[in-house]
Amino acid sequence: MSAGPYPDPLRRFLAQLDALRSGGVPAMDQVGRLLVGLAADEEYFAPLVAQMPAESPAVQPERGPRLVLVHRPEGA
């Protein structure tokens, strides 16, 4: 999988995921740790979440690991 023209946090995540995959099929706990690290990048995600309407519908891929962003209005 190529990191392509993605922003730095996503490019780093994809590079780390590729490194895990180089040893075969990675364990989901390893992938989960990478997703937690990615999700913790508030500098990257805060502006994106702020742009999301509070009532935006959830979109779920059919398979694979997921990182779900939810915009909850202040106080919700």
Protein backbone atom coordinates (compact mmCIF):
# COMPACT_ATOMS: atom_id res chain seq x y z
CA MET A 1 0.00 0.00 0.00
CA SER A 2 1.46 3.35 -1.01
CA ALA A 3 1.29 6.28 1.41
CA GLY A 4 0.59 8.50 -1.59
CA PRO A 5 -0.25 12.17 -1.24
CA TYR A 6 -1.80 11.89 2.23
CA PRO A 7 -1.23 14.36 5.08
CA ASP A 8 1.70 13.53 7.40
CA PRO A 9 -0.31 11.79 10.15
CA LEU A 10 -1.95 9.45 7.65
CA ARG A 11 1.31 8.89 5.78
CA ARG A 12 3.02 7.90 9.08
CA PHE A 13 0.12 5.58 9.96
CA LEU A 14 0.28 3.88 6.57
CA ALA A 15 4.07 3.48 6.81
CA GLN A 16 3.70 1.91 10.27
CA LEU A 17 0.95 -0.36 8.99
CA ASP A 18 3.14 -1.41 6.06
CA ALA A 19 5.94 -2.22 8.51
CA LEU A 20 3.57 -4.46 10.51
CA ARG A 21 2.37 -6.15 7.33
CA SER A 22 5.92 -6.88 6.19
CA GLY A 23 6.05 -9.62 8.84
CA GLY A 24 2.84 -11.24 7.62
CA VAL A 25 -0.69 -10.60 8.77
CA PRO A 26 -0.49 -8.24 11.77
CA ALA A 27 -2.43 -8.94 14.94
CA MET A 28 -5.45 -6.71 15.39
CA ASP A 29 -4.07 -5.45 18.73
CA GLN A 30 -1.05 -4.08 16.86
CA VAL A 31 -3.28 -2.40 14.29
CA GLY A 32 -5.44 -1.11 17.14
CA ARG A 33 -2.43 0.52 18.80
CA LEU A 34 -1.59 2.26 15.53
CA LEU A 35 -5.18 3.49 15.20
CA VAL A 36 -5.16 4.78 18.78
CA GLY A 37 -1.95 6.66 18.06
CA LEU A 38 -3.45 8.16 14.93
CA ALA A 39 -6.70 9.11 16.67
CA ALA A 40 -4.73 10.84 19.45
CA ASP A 41 -3.34 13.37 16.98
CA GLU A 42 -5.56 16.26 18.05
CA GLU A 43 -3.59 18.78 16.02
CA TYR A 44 -4.57 16.93 12.84
CA PHE A 45 -8.11 15.84 13.74
CA ALA A 46 -9.49 18.79 15.74
CA PRO A 47 -9.97 21.05 12.68
CA LEU A 48 -11.53 18.17 10.72
CA VAL A 49 -13.94 17.29 13.52
CA ALA A 50 -14.86 20.96 13.95
CA GLN A 51 -15.96 21.04 10.29
CA MET A 52 -18.29 18.06 10.72
CA PRO A 53 -21.97 18.82 11.23
CA ALA A 54 -23.16 17.50 14.58
CA GLU A 55 -25.88 15.45 12.90
CA SER A 56 -23.62 13.86 10.26
CA PRO A 57 -24.53 10.21 9.58
CA ALA A 58 -22.13 7.43 10.45
CA VAL A 59 -20.38 5.84 7.49
CA GLN A 60 -18.96 2.38 8.06
CA PRO A 61 -16.82 0.43 5.63
CA GLU A 62 -17.85 -3.16 4.99
CA ARG A 63 -14.66 -4.59 6.52
CA GLY A 64 -11.30 -3.82 8.05
CA PRO A 65 -10.11 -1.64 10.92
CA ARG A 66 -12.04 1.56 11.48
CA LEU A 67 -11.36 4.92 12.99
CA VAL A 68 -14.65 6.63 13.73
CA LEU A 69 -14.81 10.39 14.19
CA VAL A 70 -17.87 11.71 15.94
CA HIS A 71 -18.66 15.37 16.31
CA ARG A 72 -20.62 16.06 19.44
CA PRO A 73 -21.65 19.62 20.15
CA GLU A 74 -20.23 21.10 23.33
CA GLY A 75 -22.15 19.82 26.33
CA ALA A 76 -23.49 16.73 24.52
